[in-house]
Amino acid sequence: MELGDISQPVYGPGPKAPGSSTLGLVGMVHGFLRLVQPNPLPIVLCCFSFFLSQLLLYERGFLVCVAIGLLFIILVPLVGCCFCCCRC
């Protein structure tokens, strides 16, 4: 089994769209991921607080999506309950 040069890995381009009829969906998903996370992962490990702040900056898009999701999880049942119980 040939492993090649492990100390110097060669990375190719990003993931390619599959050859199927869902190219529009694949394009939307990749566009969303580029919108949510446009920055590369920070590799600097000089001090923990700096790394943590850089990591939070890196994950900012995902944190916004989680906050919006939690808001919907809380607000949608609450509004539905108000519409069912308070039929004004």
Protein backbone atom coordinates (compact mmCIF):
# COMPACT_ATOMS: atom_id res chain seq x y z
CA MET A 1 0.00 0.00 0.00
CA GLU A 2 1.52 3.30 -1.13
CA LEU A 3 1.07 6.14 1.37
CA GLY A 4 3.09 8.80 -0.42
CA ASP A 5 4.76 11.68 1.40
CA ILE A 6 2.88 11.96 4.70
CA SER A 7 4.88 14.92 6.01
CA GLN A 8 3.94 17.10 2.99
CA PRO A 9 0.30 16.37 2.12
CA VAL A 10 -1.13 17.65 -1.13
CA TYR A 11 -4.58 19.17 -0.89
CA GLY A 12 -6.85 19.43 -3.88
CA PRO A 13 -9.61 21.93 -4.59
CA GLY A 14 -12.80 22.02 -2.52
CA PRO A 15 -15.67 19.58 -2.93
CA LYS A 16 -17.17 19.33 -6.38
CA ALA A 17 -20.84 19.23 -7.19
CA PRO A 18 -22.11 15.72 -7.95
CA GLY A 19 -23.07 14.95 -11.49
CA SER A 20 -26.83 14.80 -10.92
CA SER A 21 -29.98 16.79 -11.56
CA THR A 22 -29.74 18.68 -8.24
CA LEU A 23 -27.16 21.25 -9.36
CA GLY A 24 -29.41 24.13 -8.29
CA LEU A 25 -29.73 22.73 -4.79
CA VAL A 26 -26.00 22.04 -4.54
CA GLY A 27 -25.27 25.59 -5.69
CA MET A 28 -27.61 27.03 -3.05
CA VAL A 29 -26.00 24.95 -0.27
CA HIS A 30 -22.46 25.96 -1.27
CA GLY A 31 -23.55 29.59 -1.57
CA PHE A 32 -25.05 29.46 1.93
CA LEU A 33 -21.91 27.89 3.38
CA ARG A 34 -19.69 30.52 1.74
CA LEU A 35 -22.00 33.24 3.12
CA VAL A 36 -22.05 31.84 6.65
CA GLN A 37 -18.35 30.98 6.92
CA PRO A 38 -16.21 33.05 4.52
CA ASN A 39 -13.05 33.17 6.70
CA PRO A 40 -10.40 30.43 6.97
CA LEU A 41 -9.88 28.61 10.26
CA PRO A 42 -7.42 30.49 12.54
CA ILE A 43 -4.32 28.42 13.30
CA VAL A 44 -2.55 30.82 15.72
CA LEU A 45 -2.17 29.20 19.13
CA CYS A 46 -0.08 31.86 20.94
CA CYS A 47 -2.52 32.40 23.82
CA PHE A 48 -5.88 30.85 24.64
CA SER A 49 -7.92 34.06 24.91
CA PHE A 50 -6.71 35.32 21.51
CA PHE A 51 -7.41 31.92 19.94
CA LEU A 52 -10.88 31.83 21.52
CA SER A 53 -11.72 35.30 20.18
CA GLN A 54 -10.49 34.31 16.71
CA LEU A 55 -12.50 31.08 16.87
CA LEU A 56 -15.67 32.96 17.83
CA LEU A 57 -15.05 35.34 14.93
CA TYR A 58 -14.62 32.32 12.65
CA GLU A 59 -17.87 30.72 13.87
CA ARG A 60 -19.87 33.99 13.88
CA GLY A 61 -22.08 32.98 10.95
CA PHE A 62 -23.03 29.67 12.52
CA LEU A 63 -23.74 31.37 15.85
CA VAL A 64 -26.12 33.80 14.13
CA CYS A 65 -27.90 30.87 12.45
CA VAL A 66 -28.23 29.07 15.80
CA ALA A 67 -29.64 32.23 17.44
CA ILE A 68 -32.23 32.64 14.68
CA GLY A 69 -33.14 28.95 14.96
CA LEU A 70 -33.62 29.18 18.72
CA LEU A 71 -35.72 32.31 18.25
CA PHE A 72 -38.00 30.43 15.85
CA ILE A 73 -38.17 27.41 18.19
CA ILE A 74 -39.37 29.67 21.00
CA LEU A 75 -41.55 32.15 19.08
CA VAL A 76 -43.45 29.85 16.71
CA PRO A 77 -45.11 27.72 19.44
CA LEU A 78 -45.74 30.83 21.53
CA VAL A 79 -47.48 32.65 18.66
CA GLY A 80 -49.42 29.47 17.80
CA CYS A 81 -50.58 29.16 21.39
CA CYS A 82 -51.68 32.80 21.42
CA PHE A 83 -53.66 32.29 18.20
CA CYS A 84 -55.31 29.14 19.56
CA CYS A 85 -56.11 30.42 23.06
CA CYS A 86 -56.86 34.08 22.35
CA ARG A 87 -59.09 33.95 19.28
CA CYS A 88 -59.78 37.67 19.09
